[in-house]
Structures are given as structure tokens and as C-alpha cells.
Amino acid sequence: MKNVIIILCDAMRYYNLPFYGYKINTAPFLNKIKNKCLVFTNAFSCTNATDPSLASIYTGKHPIHIGLVHHGERISPLEYKSINRHIFLQEIMTRCNYLTVAIDILSRWHKRGFKYYIDPLMSRKTSPVRWLRKFTRLHDLAIKLAYTLGKSIEFTKPSATYITMLAIRLLRYISSGRKNFFLFIHYWDTHMPYKAPGHLLNNLFNKYKVFYRSKAFKSVDYILSYIRNKRWREYLQRFLELHNRDLARVIAAYDSCILYVDTCLRNLFKELEDLGILDNTLIVITADHGESLYEHDIFLDHHGLYDVTVRVPLLFYLEDEKGSISTPFQLIDLFPTIADMCNLRTTLNLIRDLDGVPLSRLLELSDNIRPLFFEEAHTEDKIAVRVGDIKYITALNSKHAICRYCGRIHGGIEELYDLKEDPYEERNLVDERKEVKKLLRNLLLKWFSAQRSRSLIRLIK
């Protein structure tokens, strides 16, 4: 058996990493070690919000199958009840004699199955939310109140430096034990409000100012006038004012956060090497979803089922395993893949209703086109299917299509894209390829109906 570390970088875009073709080297360390990794070029989340995405990683199941599709304060008591019906990866690892530890701020049901759950906010005596962590619903209400008042909740996001420091201290302790360990580390810096050390942002922006200007082709006035939700508009306005109302600088700020996390990962890997456990550890580096910076008139957030939001970076660092994997892979596949790589197949066979498929099996089926399914319910209620390079997105009715943040319908009630010809999903072919749309719609609705019937509750009416 091997040690396992999952490093999740919240909202880290596939498209802004150098080993996926980005023009700026935002991740020099990861770019350096990519030749020692399995680099997945077609990896996708199942959804675009953190709570349901992590639920899909923990369980190997789509959020609608789990019965938890919302995020944060919008999660209902019935959804909390529903997720308790499903076995988590960390519970399997514990049963197989792994020491299971997480470093994350989400708490609530995310703690389940971990022997130790280290909340960086709880570890700081001066944290203004420390006492709220003891009361799940009260904490959710506090976040909701902060949003209602239009205030930033950036105080709930610890820095990559602090997360890495905790991880290093922890590794020094658990690496001396007799058990293999399973460690989950959640970095938050690439999530709004994109706060990296100032010198990283200034250096990056000054060096690549022309490039960033070329990306910021929509004015701040346009962004603010487009958003109809007053509270979301006021929140973005305050954030943009921190960057002198300059979208180019905001994009640079996002990139500087990737660079910041990458620097911390370098320190983490060095510690693993110094402890002599790097070569006996499977390290998975990924994101729960991507981020839309300006695409599709979705600004600085992660709603919509476009590739900027559902396509994610994915690297496996594992001794003697390297190369590029183009086989489509979803985050639901992590559960069975990790179990397979750690020789936990006997235990895995006890779970018969996984949606995910182990990587070894996917590679055997690589000649077959596997449909990928997506869903969102936090800001819009939409579902999608991708078969090869064709993606179909739909809302079940016009009301579900309206974005809660923007007050508009992004893209249409139905959308069809040929990603080979149109990788940025800018030309909706729904009226031109009606037969293709019909086939994919039938496939998607059949999947949706089957998944919903497996869930404890009917979440989308």
C-alpha cells in the first residue's frame, strides 16, 4: 500500500496552467515535475460548486445520485440527510488501516470518515468564525448574512502559506508512524477574492501587462451594468475597486494566486522528499471546478457548465508512472481509481452503485466514447452531457435557466457546441443540428431521470 495525498486547489482553471498551453508560466514547479507525472488532458468535474463537487469526489457518485446538489447555505436539511446514506472514500481508507487526515475549512459533513480533521480557522484562536464552526446551521446562516449585507467573506479563506505550514507539521508527525496515511489538503487562494502576496501580483502584471490588457476586452462599467442582482453587483464593485476597476489587473491577480500556490507546493514536495516518503506516495493534484473570469458574461465566478468551469487540471505524481492521458476522466473516477491503485479492490467490490470508473478500466475502454454528465443547482438549474467533442446543455424550463447572480440566461435554455471547431463554446448550434440535439437531449434526460430515481429526495422539481 502507498500513502495518498489529494491536493485540491479550489477554482483553479485548467486554461491558466502552462502545461495545458497557457502562455504565462503561472506554475513553474508543477511545470517542472509534469514529466514525472501522469498528466490528464481531459479531466472534468461533475458540477461547478464546491460542496457537491467534493461530495462527488468522496463518494464516486454524481451529486444528484448522492442527493446533494446545492452549496453552502442553500443545502437543505434533506440534503444533509441524503448524503449520510453514502460511504466516503476516507471511510474506506480508514477501514483499510490508513490514518486519514484532512486540512480544510468546510467542516460539517466533510469531516466524516477522517480520523483527524484540521480546520485552519479553528486552529487560530483569534479567528472571528472559530466559535461558529461548532454550529453547522449557524455557520451557514452567518455566511448567508454576510452575502445579504454585501460584505466580503474573505476572512474565511486561510492562505496557502498557512495551509502548507500545517501540512508540513502534520507530515513530520504522521510519517514516523507505522500506518500508511491518506491526507486531503484544500487550498483556497485561487477562489475569489484572489489574494496573493502583493509582490507576486505586481511582478506578474508589470511583466505581462500587454497580454493581460488583451484579455480584458470588457469594461468594468459593462460588467456592473450587466449584473442585475444588486447584492452581487455591489460585491463585485467593491472587489473591482480594490484593483482600480481594472479587469486586466484582476486576471493577473488570479494568475498570481496560481503562482503563489505553486510556490507552496514546491515547499510541500521538498518536505516529502526530506522525510523520505515522496516516492512511496500517490499525490493527486486537481481542482473542484474551474473559474469563469469573463467568458460567456460570467464574471469572476464559477457558474455555468462551460469548459472554463467544469474542465479541471489533474496530475498524478507516482513513482515510475508518467505520461499524458487523453482519456476522458471525471472526478467521480478518483474514488475507484485510488482504491484500485492502493490494491483495495476487495473493499471496493462491496460498493456496487458507484458512478465512477477506475482509470485502469477507462484505459481499456478508451476506444469507446464515454458520455460525461454535468449538473448545477447553485446559481442556475442546468444539466449537460458531452459525447466526444459535442456538448449539449439545457435547463428543464426557462425559470431554471435564469442565473441567480446575474438575473439573466447565459447562452440560452438549450445549447449545443462542437468543441473541436469551437473550443470556447461561442457558437450555439442548437438550431442547426437538430438531430444531434435530439439524440443528446434524450440521452441526458434518460440519465437525469435514472439518477434522480436513485436519490433519497427529488431535489429539482
Protein backbone atom coordinates (compact mmCIF):
# COMPACT_ATOMS: atom_id res chain seq x y z
CA MET A 1 0.00 0.00 0.00
CA LYS A 2 1.03 3.59 -0.66
CA ASN A 3 0.40 6.85 1.13
CA VAL A 4 -2.16 9.02 -0.63
CA ILE A 5 -2.36 12.81 -0.72
CA ILE A 6 -5.13 14.68 -2.52
CA ILE A 7 -4.27 18.35 -3.09
CA LEU A 8 -7.34 20.28 -4.15
CA CYS A 9 -6.85 23.85 -5.41
CA ASP A 10 -10.24 25.50 -5.29
CA ALA A 11 -11.40 27.08 -8.59
CA MET A 12 -8.06 26.54 -10.35
CA ARG A 13 -8.55 26.90 -14.10
CA TYR A 14 -7.26 24.28 -16.49
CA TYR A 15 -6.72 27.01 -19.09
CA ASN A 16 -4.36 29.11 -16.95
CA LEU A 17 -1.67 26.46 -16.43
CA PRO A 18 1.45 26.30 -18.61
CA PHE A 19 1.38 22.53 -19.20
CA TYR A 20 -2.08 22.95 -20.73
CA GLY A 21 -0.92 25.64 -23.16
CA TYR A 22 -1.15 28.90 -21.20
CA LYS A 23 1.34 31.48 -22.43
CA ILE A 24 2.46 32.56 -18.95
CA ASN A 25 4.33 30.17 -16.67
CA THR A 26 1.98 30.52 -13.73
CA ALA A 27 3.14 27.22 -12.18
CA PRO A 28 6.89 26.78 -12.64
CA PHE A 29 7.13 23.99 -10.07
CA LEU A 30 4.24 21.94 -11.44
CA ASN A 31 5.51 22.60 -14.94
CA LYS A 32 8.88 21.20 -13.86
CA ILE A 33 7.54 17.99 -12.33
CA LYS A 34 4.94 17.31 -15.03
CA ASN A 35 7.41 14.99 -16.73
CA LYS A 36 7.32 12.82 -13.61
CA CYS A 37 3.51 12.78 -13.50
CA LEU A 38 0.50 11.34 -15.22
CA VAL A 39 -0.97 14.49 -16.75
CA PHE A 40 -4.67 14.24 -17.61
CA THR A 41 -5.63 16.46 -20.53
CA ASN A 42 -9.37 15.73 -20.46
CA ALA A 43 -10.35 15.79 -16.79
CA PHE A 44 -13.68 17.23 -15.67
CA SER A 45 -15.64 17.90 -12.53
CA CYS A 46 -19.30 16.88 -12.36
CA THR A 47 -20.53 20.26 -11.19
CA ASN A 48 -19.38 23.82 -10.55
CA ALA A 49 -19.78 24.36 -6.79
CA THR A 50 -17.52 23.13 -4.00
CA ASP A 51 -19.88 21.22 -1.70
CA PRO A 52 -21.43 18.95 -4.37
CA SER A 53 -18.11 18.59 -6.18
CA LEU A 54 -16.33 17.35 -3.06
CA ALA A 55 -19.27 15.08 -2.35
CA SER A 56 -18.76 13.50 -5.77
CA ILE A 57 -15.04 13.00 -5.03
CA TYR A 58 -15.72 11.47 -1.62
CA THR A 59 -18.40 9.07 -2.91
CA GLY A 60 -17.57 8.38 -6.56
CA LYS A 61 -21.13 9.39 -7.44
CA HIS A 62 -22.84 12.25 -9.23
CA PRO A 63 -24.31 14.91 -6.91
CA ILE A 64 -27.87 14.17 -7.96
CA HIS A 65 -27.31 10.47 -7.18
CA ILE A 66 -25.98 11.43 -3.76
CA GLY A 67 -28.92 13.75 -3.15
CA LEU A 68 -26.77 16.83 -2.51
CA VAL A 69 -26.73 19.32 -5.37
CA HIS A 70 -26.63 22.69 -3.63
CA HIS A 71 -23.78 24.54 -1.95
CA GLY A 72 -23.18 26.36 1.32
CA GLU A 73 -26.22 27.94 2.95
CA ARG A 74 -28.52 26.60 0.21
CA ILE A 75 -28.03 22.97 1.28
CA SER A 76 -31.31 21.77 2.76
CA PRO A 77 -31.75 19.51 5.81
CA LEU A 78 -32.96 16.78 3.45
CA GLU A 79 -29.69 17.02 1.52
CA TYR A 80 -27.73 16.63 4.75
CA LYS A 81 -29.80 13.56 5.48
CA SER A 82 -29.30 12.18 1.99
CA ILE A 83 -25.51 12.36 1.97
CA ASN A 84 -25.35 10.30 5.16
CA ARG A 85 -26.58 7.31 3.15
CA HIS A 86 -23.34 7.13 1.14
CA ILE A 87 -19.92 5.72 2.00
CA PHE A 88 -16.97 8.13 1.71
CA LEU A 89 -13.54 7.33 0.30
CA GLN A 90 -11.93 8.30 3.60
CA GLU A 91 -14.15 5.78 5.41
CA ILE A 92 -12.92 3.05 3.09
CA MET A 93 -9.32 4.13 3.69
CA THR A 94 -9.87 4.05 7.46
CA ARG A 95 -11.31 0.54 7.26
CA CYS A 96 -8.19 -0.49 5.33
CA ASN A 97 -5.94 0.70 8.17
CA TYR A 98 -4.98 4.08 6.71
CA LEU A 99 -4.56 7.06 9.01
CA THR A 100 -6.97 9.57 7.48
CA VAL A 101 -6.45 13.31 7.93
CA ALA A 102 -7.86 16.43 6.26
CA ILE A 103 -6.84 20.09 6.30
CA ASP A 104 -9.85 22.14 5.24
CA ILE A 105 -12.27 24.82 6.43
CA LEU A 106 -15.56 23.33 5.25
CA SER A 107 -16.22 21.16 8.33
CA ARG A 108 -19.87 19.99 8.58
CA TRP A 109 -20.32 16.61 6.85
CA HIS A 110 -16.92 16.99 5.16
CA LYS A 111 -15.33 15.81 8.43
CA ARG A 112 -16.98 12.41 8.24
CA GLY A 113 -14.60 9.48 7.90
CA PHE A 114 -11.43 11.36 8.75
CA LYS A 115 -9.63 10.33 11.91
CA TYR A 116 -8.42 13.92 12.27
CA TYR A 117 -9.96 16.97 10.61
CA ILE A 118 -7.83 20.09 10.98
CA ASP A 119 -9.75 23.29 10.34
CA PRO A 120 -7.22 26.14 9.88
CA LEU A 121 -9.79 28.63 11.16
CA MET A 122 -10.37 26.61 14.31
CA SER A 123 -6.61 26.41 14.87
CA ARG A 124 -6.42 30.19 15.08
CA LYS A 125 -7.63 31.41 18.46
CA THR A 126 -8.34 34.86 17.04
CA SER A 127 -10.48 33.63 14.15
CA PRO A 128 -13.82 35.52 14.05
CA VAL A 129 -15.63 32.37 12.89
CA ARG A 130 -13.98 29.94 15.32
CA TRP A 131 -16.96 29.51 17.60
CA LEU A 132 -19.42 29.35 14.69
CA ARG A 133 -17.77 26.14 13.46
CA LYS A 134 -19.38 24.29 16.34
CA PHE A 135 -22.83 25.04 14.95
CA THR A 136 -23.30 23.93 11.36
CA ARG A 137 -26.54 25.73 10.57
CA LEU A 138 -25.49 28.86 12.47
CA HIS A 139 -22.29 29.00 10.46
CA ASP A 140 -24.26 28.67 7.22
CA LEU A 141 -26.57 31.47 8.33
CA ALA A 142 -23.58 33.69 9.12
CA ILE A 143 -22.26 33.22 5.58
CA LYS A 144 -25.71 33.93 4.18
CA LEU A 145 -25.93 37.11 6.27
CA ALA A 146 -22.51 38.23 5.05
CA TYR A 147 -23.69 37.83 1.46
CA THR A 148 -27.01 39.53 2.19
CA LEU A 149 -25.22 42.54 3.59
CA GLY A 150 -22.94 42.56 0.57
CA LYS A 151 -19.79 42.02 2.61
CA SER A 152 -16.73 40.04 1.62
CA ILE A 153 -16.22 36.74 3.41
CA GLU A 154 -12.54 36.54 2.56
CA PHE A 155 -11.69 36.11 6.25
CA THR A 156 -12.90 32.51 5.92
CA LYS A 157 -10.13 31.59 3.49
CA PRO A 158 -6.70 30.81 5.01
CA SER A 159 -3.58 31.46 2.95
CA ALA A 160 -1.57 28.83 1.10
CA THR A 161 1.38 29.60 3.36
CA TYR A 162 -0.64 28.74 6.46
CA ILE A 163 -2.18 25.61 4.93
CA THR A 164 1.28 24.39 3.86
CA MET A 165 2.74 25.07 7.27
CA LEU A 166 0.03 22.95 8.88
CA ALA A 167 0.55 20.19 6.30
CA ILE A 168 4.32 20.11 6.90
CA ARG A 169 3.90 19.94 10.68
CA LEU A 170 1.39 17.16 10.24
CA LEU A 171 3.58 15.18 7.83
CA ARG A 172 6.51 15.31 10.24
CA TYR A 173 4.29 13.73 12.85
CA ILE A 174 2.39 11.08 10.86
CA SER A 175 5.30 10.00 8.64
CA SER A 176 7.02 8.43 11.65
CA GLY A 177 4.08 6.14 12.33
CA ARG A 178 3.57 2.58 11.18
CA LYS A 179 0.41 3.24 9.23
CA ASN A 180 0.10 4.49 5.70
CA PHE A 181 -1.81 7.75 5.57
CA PHE A 182 -4.48 9.40 3.47
CA LEU A 183 -4.21 13.19 3.55
CA PHE A 184 -6.61 15.69 1.99
CA ILE A 185 -5.35 19.29 1.60
CA HIS A 186 -7.61 22.09 0.37
CA TYR A 187 -6.05 25.31 -0.94
CA TRP A 188 -8.37 28.31 -1.37
CA ASP A 189 -6.24 31.07 -2.89
CA THR A 190 -7.48 30.69 -6.48
CA HIS A 191 -11.04 31.29 -5.27
CA MET A 192 -12.34 34.85 -5.03
CA PRO A 193 -11.07 37.30 -3.82
CA TYR A 194 -7.75 36.23 -5.46
CA LYS A 195 -5.43 37.44 -2.71
CA ALA A 196 -1.79 36.55 -3.29
CA PRO A 197 1.23 38.40 -1.85
CA GLY A 198 1.37 41.82 -3.47
CA HIS A 199 4.82 41.42 -5.00
CA LEU A 200 3.69 38.38 -7.00
CA LEU A 201 0.78 40.30 -8.50
CA ASN A 202 2.83 43.41 -9.26
CA ASN A 203 5.68 41.47 -10.87
CA LEU A 204 3.32 39.38 -12.99
CA PHE A 205 1.17 42.30 -14.08
CA ASN A 206 4.09 44.56 -14.94
CA LYS A 207 5.84 41.82 -16.92
CA TYR A 208 2.80 40.70 -18.92
CA LYS A 209 0.70 43.87 -18.98
CA VAL A 210 0.12 43.75 -22.75
CA PHE A 211 -1.11 40.16 -22.52
CA TYR A 212 -3.50 40.93 -19.69
CA ARG A 213 -4.81 44.02 -21.46
CA SER A 214 -5.63 41.84 -24.49
CA LYS A 215 -7.79 39.60 -22.28
CA ALA A 216 -9.68 42.41 -20.57
CA PHE A 217 -11.82 43.43 -23.52
CA LYS A 218 -14.94 44.10 -21.42
CA SER A 219 -15.10 47.24 -19.34
CA VAL A 220 -15.92 47.34 -15.66
CA ASP A 221 -18.91 49.54 -16.47
CA TYR A 222 -20.24 46.82 -18.79
CA ILE A 223 -19.73 44.13 -16.13
CA LEU A 224 -21.58 46.08 -13.46
CA SER A 225 -24.42 47.11 -15.75
CA TYR A 226 -24.85 43.50 -16.94
CA ILE A 227 -25.42 42.10 -13.44
CA ARG A 228 -29.00 42.58 -12.24
CA ASN A 229 -28.58 41.11 -8.77
CA LYS A 230 -27.91 44.21 -6.67
CA ARG A 231 -26.01 42.44 -3.89
CA TRP A 232 -23.75 40.52 -6.26
CA ARG A 233 -23.15 43.69 -8.29
CA GLU A 234 -22.18 45.65 -5.17
CA TYR A 235 -19.86 42.86 -4.04
CA LEU A 236 -18.09 42.79 -7.41
CA GLN A 237 -17.91 46.57 -7.49
CA ARG A 238 -16.07 46.69 -4.17
CA PHE A 239 -13.75 43.92 -5.31
CA LEU A 240 -13.00 45.62 -8.64
CA GLU A 241 -12.30 48.90 -6.87
CA LEU A 242 -9.54 47.14 -4.92
CA HIS A 243 -7.87 46.65 -8.32
CA ASN A 244 -8.53 50.19 -9.58
CA ARG A 245 -11.51 48.98 -11.64
CA ASP A 246 -9.05 47.26 -13.96
CA LEU A 247 -10.14 43.83 -15.23
CA ALA A 248 -6.66 43.20 -16.65
CA ARG A 249 -5.20 43.51 -13.17
CA VAL A 250 -7.89 41.21 -11.77
CA ILE A 251 -6.93 38.49 -14.26
CA ALA A 252 -3.29 38.98 -13.26
CA ALA A 253 -4.37 38.67 -9.62
CA TYR A 254 -5.95 35.30 -10.39
CA ASP A 255 -2.74 34.12 -12.10
CA SER A 256 -0.65 35.36 -9.19
CA CYS A 257 -2.70 33.14 -6.88
CA ILE A 258 -1.81 30.11 -9.01
CA LEU A 259 1.83 31.14 -8.79
CA TYR A 260 1.51 31.53 -5.02
CA VAL A 261 0.00 28.07 -4.53
CA ASP A 262 2.64 26.60 -6.85
CA THR A 263 5.40 28.09 -4.66
CA CYS A 264 3.84 26.49 -1.59
CA LEU A 265 3.54 23.14 -3.36
CA ARG A 266 7.27 23.28 -4.05
CA ASN A 267 7.85 23.57 -0.29
CA LEU A 268 5.44 20.73 0.42
CA PHE A 269 7.13 18.38 -2.06
CA LYS A 270 10.54 19.27 -0.64
CA GLU A 271 9.34 18.27 2.82
CA LEU A 272 8.01 14.95 1.49
CA GLU A 273 11.38 14.32 -0.12
CA ASP A 274 13.30 15.25 3.05
CA LEU A 275 11.10 12.87 5.05
CA GLY A 276 11.89 10.08 2.60
CA ILE A 277 8.24 9.36 1.74
CA LEU A 278 7.83 11.12 -1.62
CA ASP A 279 8.46 8.01 -3.70
CA ASN A 280 6.01 5.95 -1.66
CA THR A 281 3.16 8.42 -2.01
CA LEU A 282 0.47 8.87 -4.63
CA ILE A 283 -0.14 12.60 -4.93
CA VAL A 284 -3.24 13.79 -6.75
CA ILE A 285 -3.36 17.48 -7.70
CA THR A 286 -6.65 18.80 -9.02
CA ALA A 287 -9.46 21.35 -8.58
CA ASP A 288 -13.09 21.02 -7.59
CA HIS A 289 -14.10 23.16 -10.59
CA GLY A 290 -12.70 25.91 -12.76
CA GLU A 291 -13.48 29.62 -12.90
CA SER A 292 -15.06 31.96 -15.42
CA LEU A 293 -13.13 35.22 -15.47
CA TYR A 294 -15.10 36.93 -18.24
CA GLU A 295 -16.27 34.18 -20.62
CA HIS A 296 -19.99 33.96 -21.50
CA ASP A 297 -20.61 37.13 -19.50
CA ILE A 298 -19.99 35.17 -16.30
CA PHE A 299 -17.59 37.33 -14.35
CA LEU A 300 -15.16 36.16 -11.67
CA ASP A 301 -17.20 33.19 -10.54
CA HIS A 302 -17.89 29.55 -11.39
CA HIS A 303 -21.45 29.18 -12.57
CA GLY A 304 -22.36 27.78 -15.96
CA LEU A 305 -21.45 24.35 -17.35
CA TYR A 306 -18.95 25.62 -19.89
CA ASP A 307 -15.47 24.10 -20.06
CA VAL A 308 -13.85 27.05 -18.30
CA THR A 309 -15.83 25.96 -15.25
CA VAL A 310 -16.05 22.15 -15.48
CA ARG A 311 -12.71 21.27 -17.06
CA VAL A 312 -10.08 20.83 -14.34
CA PRO A 313 -6.35 20.23 -14.05
CA LEU A 314 -5.39 16.76 -12.90
CA LEU A 315 -1.94 15.32 -12.18
CA PHE A 316 -0.95 12.05 -10.52
CA TYR A 317 2.54 12.06 -9.03
CA LEU A 318 3.52 8.43 -8.58
CA GLU A 319 6.90 6.72 -8.82
CA ASP A 320 7.54 5.17 -12.24
CA GLU A 321 4.24 6.47 -13.63
CA LYS A 322 4.40 9.32 -16.13
CA GLY A 323 2.94 10.43 -19.42
CA SER A 324 -0.10 12.16 -20.86
CA ILE A 325 -3.59 10.68 -20.58
CA SER A 326 -6.20 11.98 -23.01
CA THR A 327 -8.91 9.51 -21.98
CA PRO A 328 -11.86 11.49 -20.54
CA PHE A 329 -11.83 11.33 -16.74
CA GLN A 330 -14.25 12.81 -14.21
CA LEU A 331 -13.67 13.50 -10.55
CA ILE A 332 -16.14 10.71 -9.67
CA ASP A 333 -13.45 8.38 -11.06
CA LEU A 334 -10.96 9.34 -8.34
CA PHE A 335 -12.62 7.17 -5.68
CA PRO A 336 -12.36 3.86 -7.61
CA THR A 337 -9.00 4.81 -9.15
CA ILE A 338 -7.34 5.49 -5.79
CA ALA A 339 -8.84 2.32 -4.34
CA ASP A 340 -7.55 0.37 -7.35
CA MET A 341 -4.04 1.86 -7.18
CA CYS A 342 -3.85 1.11 -3.44
CA ASN A 343 -4.96 -2.52 -4.00
CA LEU A 344 -8.22 -2.05 -2.12
CA ARG A 345 -10.25 -3.86 -4.76
CA THR A 346 -11.85 -6.32 -2.29
CA THR A 347 -13.26 -3.47 -0.23
CA LEU A 348 -14.25 -1.56 -3.35
CA ASN A 349 -16.31 -4.55 -4.54
CA LEU A 350 -18.59 -4.03 -1.55
CA ILE A 351 -19.79 -0.75 -3.08
CA ARG A 352 -21.90 -1.62 -6.08
CA ASP A 353 -23.51 1.68 -7.03
CA LEU A 354 -20.52 3.86 -7.92
CA ASP A 355 -20.86 6.13 -10.94
CA GLY A 356 -17.08 6.43 -11.22
CA VAL A 357 -14.82 4.01 -13.09
CA PRO A 358 -11.18 3.19 -12.19
CA LEU A 359 -8.54 4.54 -14.53
CA SER A 360 -7.32 1.06 -15.44
CA ARG A 361 -10.80 0.21 -16.74
CA LEU A 362 -11.16 3.53 -18.57
CA LEU A 363 -7.92 2.90 -20.44
CA GLU A 364 -9.23 -0.49 -21.54
CA LEU A 365 -12.37 1.21 -22.84
CA SER A 366 -10.53 4.11 -24.47
CA ASP A 367 -11.80 3.23 -27.94
CA ASN A 368 -15.39 3.69 -26.76
CA ILE A 369 -16.86 7.16 -26.39
CA ARG A 370 -17.97 7.60 -22.79
CA PRO A 371 -20.68 10.19 -22.15
CA LEU A 372 -19.79 12.74 -19.47
CA PHE A 373 -22.63 14.24 -17.45
CA PHE A 374 -22.70 17.57 -15.61
CA GLU A 375 -25.14 19.41 -13.37
CA GLU A 376 -25.52 22.67 -11.48
CA ALA A 377 -28.07 23.97 -9.00
CA HIS A 378 -26.38 26.76 -7.02
CA THR A 379 -26.92 29.71 -9.36
CA GLU A 380 -28.72 28.05 -12.28
CA ASP A 381 -30.53 24.71 -12.61
CA LYS A 382 -28.95 23.16 -15.68
CA ILE A 383 -27.67 19.77 -16.79
CA ALA A 384 -25.33 18.82 -19.60
CA VAL A 385 -23.83 15.90 -21.48
CA ARG A 386 -20.64 15.69 -23.51
CA VAL A 387 -20.02 12.91 -26.02
CA GLY A 388 -16.64 13.23 -27.70
CA ASP A 389 -16.36 16.86 -28.78
CA ILE A 390 -20.09 17.60 -28.75
CA LYS A 391 -21.70 19.15 -25.66
CA TYR A 392 -25.38 19.74 -25.01
CA ILE A 393 -26.56 21.96 -22.13
CA THR A 394 -30.15 22.52 -21.08
CA ALA A 395 -32.43 23.80 -18.37
CA LEU A 396 -35.64 21.89 -17.78
CA ASN A 397 -37.60 25.13 -18.09
CA SER A 398 -37.00 28.84 -18.60
CA LYS A 399 -37.19 29.65 -14.88
CA HIS A 400 -34.38 27.22 -14.09
CA ALA A 401 -32.22 28.84 -16.77
CA ILE A 402 -32.14 32.26 -15.09
CA CYS A 403 -28.88 32.91 -13.25
CA ARG A 404 -29.46 33.84 -9.61
CA TYR A 405 -26.35 36.06 -9.58
CA CYS A 406 -26.73 37.82 -12.93
CA GLY A 407 -30.51 37.77 -13.35
CA ARG A 408 -30.06 36.65 -16.95
CA ILE A 409 -29.99 33.47 -19.02
CA HIS A 410 -26.45 32.60 -20.07
CA GLY A 411 -26.27 31.05 -23.54
CA GLY A 412 -29.93 30.04 -23.82
CA ILE A 413 -32.31 27.46 -22.42
CA GLU A 414 -30.74 24.92 -24.77
CA GLU A 415 -27.16 24.99 -26.08
CA LEU A 416 -25.18 22.74 -28.40
CA TYR A 417 -21.46 23.13 -29.09
CA ASP A 418 -18.88 21.41 -31.26
CA LEU A 419 -15.79 21.83 -29.10
CA LYS A 420 -13.41 20.69 -31.80
CA GLU A 421 -14.44 23.57 -34.05
CA ASP A 422 -15.46 25.91 -31.27
CA PRO A 423 -13.38 25.20 -28.12
CA TYR A 424 -14.59 28.33 -26.33
CA GLU A 425 -18.28 27.45 -26.78
CA GLU A 426 -19.23 30.67 -28.53
CA ARG A 427 -21.44 29.34 -31.39
CA ASN A 428 -24.67 27.72 -30.29
CA LEU A 429 -25.65 25.07 -32.87
CA VAL A 430 -28.93 24.07 -31.28
CA ASP A 431 -30.97 25.29 -34.27
CA GLU A 432 -28.54 23.95 -36.89
CA ARG A 433 -28.00 20.37 -35.72
CA LYS A 434 -31.46 19.41 -34.55
CA GLU A 435 -30.96 15.65 -34.90
CA VAL A 436 -27.76 15.73 -32.82
CA LYS A 437 -29.53 17.86 -30.24
CA LYS A 438 -32.42 15.41 -30.10
CA LEU A 439 -30.13 12.41 -29.57
CA LEU A 440 -28.12 14.11 -26.82
CA ARG A 441 -31.22 15.51 -25.14
CA ASN A 442 -32.77 12.05 -24.95
CA LEU A 443 -29.52 10.61 -23.58
CA LEU A 444 -29.25 13.38 -20.98
CA LEU A 445 -32.85 13.20 -19.80
CA LYS A 446 -32.68 9.42 -19.52
CA TRP A 447 -29.56 9.76 -17.34
CA PHE A 448 -31.14 12.54 -15.29
CA SER A 449 -34.28 10.51 -14.63
CA ALA A 450 -32.28 7.41 -13.65
CA GLN A 451 -30.01 9.36 -11.29
CA ARG A 452 -32.89 11.20 -9.66
CA SER A 453 -34.74 7.95 -9.05
CA ARG A 454 -31.69 6.66 -7.08
CA SER A 455 -31.63 9.74 -4.85
CA LEU A 456 -33.35 9.94 -1.49
CA ILE A 457 -35.21 13.08 -2.43
CA ARG A 458 -36.34 14.88 -5.54
CA LEU A 459 -34.22 18.00 -5.42
CA ILE A 460 -35.04 19.63 -8.75
CA LYS A 461 -38.74 19.96 -9.41
